[in-house]
Amino acid sequence: MNALSEQISIDKFIETLLDESIKDSDIVVGRFSDLEKSELEALKESWPKVNPNRRRHIMRELREVIENDMLVCFDGIALLALEDRDPDVRKNAVGLLWECEKKHLIPKLVEMMKEDENVEVRAAAATGLG
């Protein structure tokens, strides 16, 4: 568990995500790094309730963070977001997995490449497979 994870409990973090009075820019997106299995399960229940604009903002922010910091790992939230109803969230989730070496992702990415209704998601999945 990283130092940031120790500072903010997952319950408090989820409260923050759901609180629309908090600005998107005040969300500590680094908290998504290295989620433990129990934290990911708690987040999985709440993620669909997070405002769609906030989910899109978070995924874009995570993409920026990972491009500049190779020590973070957002695989957990990315795997969860592959199932998001918003195509922008799904597209960015695929982008977060560019260094993920989990072979069980290949069938999911192939499915997304062939069947996702959004062309940008299909393209991201094809790129992810490459």
C-alpha atoms as a PDB file:
ATOM      1  CA  MET A   1       0.000   0.000   0.000  1.00  0.00           C
ATOM      2  CA  ASN A   2       1.438   3.380  -0.926  1.00  0.00           C
ATOM      3  CA  ALA A   3       1.578   6.399   1.403  1.00  0.00           C
ATOM      4  CA  LEU A   4      -1.383   8.052  -0.291  1.00  0.00           C
ATOM      5  CA  SER A   5      -3.549   4.976   0.265  1.00  0.00           C
ATOM      6  CA  GLU A   6      -2.729   5.100   3.945  1.00  0.00           C
ATOM      7  CA  GLN A   7      -3.846   8.731   4.168  1.00  0.00           C
ATOM      8  CA  ILE A   8      -7.339   8.381   2.669  1.00  0.00           C
ATOM      9  CA  SER A   9      -9.565   5.420   3.498  1.00  0.00           C
ATOM     10  CA  ILE A  10     -11.417   3.912   0.574  1.00  0.00           C
ATOM     11  CA  ASP A  11     -14.745   4.795   2.210  1.00  0.00           C
ATOM     12  CA  LYS A  12     -13.757   8.454   2.520  1.00  0.00           C
ATOM     13  CA  PHE A  13     -12.418   8.416  -1.023  1.00  0.00           C
ATOM     14  CA  ILE A  14     -15.692   7.011  -2.357  1.00  0.00           C
ATOM     15  CA  GLU A  15     -17.608   9.672  -0.422  1.00  0.00           C
ATOM     16  CA  THR A  16     -15.465  12.279  -2.146  1.00  0.00           C
ATOM     17  CA  LEU A  17     -16.148  10.768  -5.568  1.00  0.00           C
ATOM     18  CA  LEU A  18     -19.889  10.817  -4.985  1.00  0.00           C
ATOM     19  CA  ASP A  19     -20.000  14.335  -3.495  1.00  0.00           C
ATOM     20  CA  GLU A  20     -20.821  16.605  -6.407  1.00  0.00           C
ATOM     21  CA  SER A  21     -20.071  19.709  -4.333  1.00  0.00           C
ATOM     22  CA  ILE A  22     -16.375  18.769  -4.538  1.00  0.00           C
ATOM     23  CA  LYS A  23     -14.643  20.031  -7.666  1.00  0.00           C
ATOM     24  CA  ASP A  24     -13.228  17.404 -10.026  1.00  0.00           C
ATOM     25  CA  SER A  25      -9.828  19.055  -9.720  1.00  0.00           C
ATOM     26  CA  ASP A  26      -9.882  18.377  -5.944  1.00  0.00           C
ATOM     27  CA  ILE A  27     -10.159  14.602  -6.411  1.00  0.00           C
ATOM     28  CA  VAL A  28      -6.847  12.959  -5.492  1.00  0.00           C
ATOM     29  CA  VAL A  29      -6.628  10.632  -8.487  1.00  0.00           C
ATOM     30  CA  GLY A  30      -3.407   9.116  -7.204  1.00  0.00           C
ATOM     31  CA  ARG A  31      -5.576   7.241  -4.693  1.00  0.00           C
ATOM     32  CA  PHE A  32      -6.621   4.956  -7.574  1.00  0.00           C
ATOM     33  CA  SER A  33      -3.079   3.556  -7.731  1.00  0.00           C
ATOM     34  CA  ASP A  34      -2.417   0.078  -6.375  1.00  0.00           C
ATOM     35  CA  LEU A  35      -5.943  -0.613  -5.154  1.00  0.00           C
ATOM     36  CA  GLU A  36      -6.259  -3.657  -2.948  1.00  0.00           C
ATOM     37  CA  LYS A  37      -8.877  -6.265  -3.869  1.00  0.00           C
ATOM     38  CA  SER A  38     -11.239  -5.183  -1.068  1.00  0.00           C
ATOM     39  CA  GLU A  39     -10.886  -1.531  -2.097  1.00  0.00           C
ATOM     40  CA  LEU A  40     -11.645  -2.379  -5.694  1.00  0.00           C
ATOM     41  CA  GLU A  41     -14.757  -4.291  -4.642  1.00  0.00           C
ATOM     42  CA  ALA A  42     -15.983  -1.279  -2.656  1.00  0.00           C
ATOM     43  CA  LEU A  43     -15.258   1.006  -5.582  1.00  0.00           C
ATOM     44  CA  LYS A  44     -16.960  -1.348  -8.038  1.00  0.00           C
ATOM     45  CA  GLU A  45     -20.274  -0.878  -6.229  1.00  0.00           C
ATOM     46  CA  SER A  46     -19.990   2.917  -6.194  1.00  0.00           C
ATOM     47  CA  TRP A  47     -18.349   3.672  -9.549  1.00  0.00           C
ATOM     48  CA  PRO A  48     -21.601   3.617 -11.599  1.00  0.00           C
ATOM     49  CA  LYS A  49     -23.079   6.166  -9.166  1.00  0.00           C
ATOM     50  CA  VAL A  50     -20.266   8.655  -9.788  1.00  0.00           C
ATOM     51  CA  ASN A  51     -21.343  11.511 -12.055  1.00  0.00           C
ATOM     52  CA  PRO A  52     -20.529  10.563 -15.698  1.00  0.00           C
ATOM     53  CA  ASN A  53     -18.649  13.824 -16.274  1.00  0.00           C
ATOM     54  CA  ARG A  54     -16.525  13.104 -13.206  1.00  0.00           C
ATOM     55  CA  ARG A  55     -15.805   9.544 -14.388  1.00  0.00           C
ATOM     56  CA  ARG A  56     -14.632  10.923 -17.745  1.00  0.00           C
ATOM     57  CA  HIS A  57     -12.509  13.578 -16.011  1.00  0.00           C
ATOM     58  CA  ILE A  58     -10.936  11.003 -13.695  1.00  0.00           C
ATOM     59  CA  MET A  59     -10.011   8.653 -16.512  1.00  0.00           C
ATOM     60  CA  ARG A  60      -8.404  11.479 -18.511  1.00  0.00           C
ATOM     61  CA  GLU A  61      -6.480  12.578 -15.409  1.00  0.00           C
ATOM     62  CA  LEU A  62      -5.289   9.025 -14.774  1.00  0.00           C
ATOM     63  CA  ARG A  63      -3.999   8.838 -18.355  1.00  0.00           C
ATOM     64  CA  GLU A  64      -1.993  12.028 -17.786  1.00  0.00           C
ATOM     65  CA  VAL A  65      -0.602  10.775 -14.482  1.00  0.00           C
ATOM     66  CA  ILE A  66       0.502   7.423 -15.899  1.00  0.00           C
ATOM     67  CA  GLU A  67       2.285   9.110 -18.804  1.00  0.00           C
ATOM     68  CA  ASN A  68       4.448  11.027 -16.324  1.00  0.00           C
ATOM     69  CA  ASP A  69       4.813   8.575 -13.439  1.00  0.00           C
ATOM     70  CA  MET A  70       5.816   4.998 -14.158  1.00  0.00           C
ATOM     71  CA  LEU A  71       5.533   4.023 -10.484  1.00  0.00           C
ATOM     72  CA  VAL A  72       1.732   4.170 -10.369  1.00  0.00           C
ATOM     73  CA  CYS A  73      -0.503   1.283 -11.343  1.00  0.00           C
ATOM     74  CA  PHE A  74      -4.098   1.976 -12.301  1.00  0.00           C
ATOM     75  CA  ASP A  75      -4.896  -1.532 -13.577  1.00  0.00           C
ATOM     76  CA  GLY A  76      -7.654  -2.075 -11.002  1.00  0.00           C
ATOM     77  CA  ILE A  77      -9.714   0.989 -11.902  1.00  0.00           C
ATOM     78  CA  ALA A  78      -8.952   0.474 -15.590  1.00  0.00           C
ATOM     79  CA  LEU A  79     -10.285  -3.090 -15.523  1.00  0.00           C
ATOM     80  CA  LEU A  80     -13.402  -1.890 -13.734  1.00  0.00           C
ATOM     81  CA  ALA A  81     -13.859   0.982 -16.209  1.00  0.00           C
ATOM     82  CA  LEU A  82     -13.706  -1.344 -19.225  1.00  0.00           C
ATOM     83  CA  GLU A  83     -17.328  -2.146 -18.368  1.00  0.00           C
ATOM     84  CA  ASP A  84     -18.415   1.493 -17.987  1.00  0.00           C
ATOM     85  CA  ARG A  85     -21.463   2.580 -19.969  1.00  0.00           C
ATOM     86  CA  ASP A  86     -19.630   5.719 -21.148  1.00  0.00           C
ATOM     87  CA  PRO A  87     -17.468   5.202 -24.259  1.00  0.00           C
ATOM     88  CA  ASP A  88     -14.946   7.889 -23.277  1.00  0.00           C
ATOM     89  CA  VAL A  89     -14.378   6.112 -19.962  1.00  0.00           C
ATOM     90  CA  ARG A  90     -13.943   2.749 -21.728  1.00  0.00           C
ATOM     91  CA  LYS A  91     -11.535   4.241 -24.276  1.00  0.00           C
ATOM     92  CA  ASN A  92      -9.355   5.770 -21.555  1.00  0.00           C
ATOM     93  CA  ALA A  93      -9.508   2.572 -19.517  1.00  0.00           C
ATOM     94  CA  VAL A  94      -7.966   0.688 -22.433  1.00  0.00           C
ATOM     95  CA  GLY A  95      -5.251   3.333 -22.608  1.00  0.00           C
ATOM     96  CA  LEU A  96      -4.433   2.849 -18.939  1.00  0.00           C
ATOM     97  CA  LEU A  97      -3.714  -0.816 -19.578  1.00  0.00           C
ATOM     98  CA  TRP A  98      -0.965  -0.279 -22.137  1.00  0.00           C
ATOM     99  CA  GLU A  99       1.660  -1.829 -19.837  1.00  0.00           C
ATOM    100  CA  CYS A 100      -0.592  -4.484 -18.345  1.00  0.00           C
ATOM    101  CA  GLU A 101       0.648  -7.968 -19.172  1.00  0.00           C
ATOM    102  CA  LYS A 102      -2.399  -9.927 -18.040  1.00  0.00           C
ATOM    103  CA  LYS A 103      -3.136 -12.358 -20.842  1.00  0.00           C
ATOM    104  CA  HIS A 104      -6.728 -12.795 -19.705  1.00  0.00           C
ATOM    105  CA  LEU A 105      -7.337  -9.277 -21.080  1.00  0.00           C
ATOM    106  CA  ILE A 106      -6.802 -10.376 -24.668  1.00  0.00           C
ATOM    107  CA  PRO A 107     -10.286 -11.872 -25.157  1.00  0.00           C
ATOM    108  CA  LYS A 108     -11.891  -8.787 -23.589  1.00  0.00           C
ATOM    109  CA  LEU A 109      -9.951  -6.432 -25.839  1.00  0.00           C
ATOM    110  CA  VAL A 110     -10.759  -8.559 -28.903  1.00  0.00           C
ATOM    111  CA  GLU A 111     -14.438  -8.435 -27.934  1.00  0.00           C
ATOM    112  CA  MET A 112     -14.274  -4.655 -27.509  1.00  0.00           C
ATOM    113  CA  MET A 113     -12.448  -4.270 -30.822  1.00  0.00           C
ATOM    114  CA  LYS A 114     -15.115  -6.254 -32.660  1.00  0.00           C
ATOM    115  CA  GLU A 115     -18.305  -5.395 -30.817  1.00  0.00           C
ATOM    116  CA  ASP A 116     -18.153  -2.077 -28.979  1.00  0.00           C
ATOM    117  CA  GLU A 117     -20.701   0.340 -30.410  1.00  0.00           C
ATOM    118  CA  ASN A 118     -18.195   3.212 -30.292  1.00  0.00           C
ATOM    119  CA  VAL A 119     -15.562   3.449 -33.023  1.00  0.00           C
ATOM    120  CA  GLU A 120     -13.046   5.184 -30.720  1.00  0.00           C
ATOM    121  CA  VAL A 121     -13.330   2.370 -28.178  1.00  0.00           C
ATOM    122  CA  ARG A 122     -12.870  -0.209 -30.941  1.00  0.00           C
ATOM    123  CA  ALA A 123      -9.778   1.653 -32.151  1.00  0.00           C
ATOM    124  CA  ALA A 124      -8.362   1.904 -28.621  1.00  0.00           C
ATOM    125  CA  ALA A 125      -8.911  -1.822 -28.109  1.00  0.00           C
ATOM    126  CA  ALA A 126      -7.127  -2.592 -31.400  1.00  0.00           C
ATOM    127  CA  THR A 127      -4.224  -0.373 -30.346  1.00  0.00           C
ATOM    128  CA  GLY A 128      -4.172  -2.033 -26.929  1.00  0.00           C
ATOM    129  CA  LEU A 129      -3.882  -5.428 -28.547  1.00  0.00           C
ATOM    130  CA  GLY A 130      -0.944  -4.220 -30.641  1.00  0.00           C
END
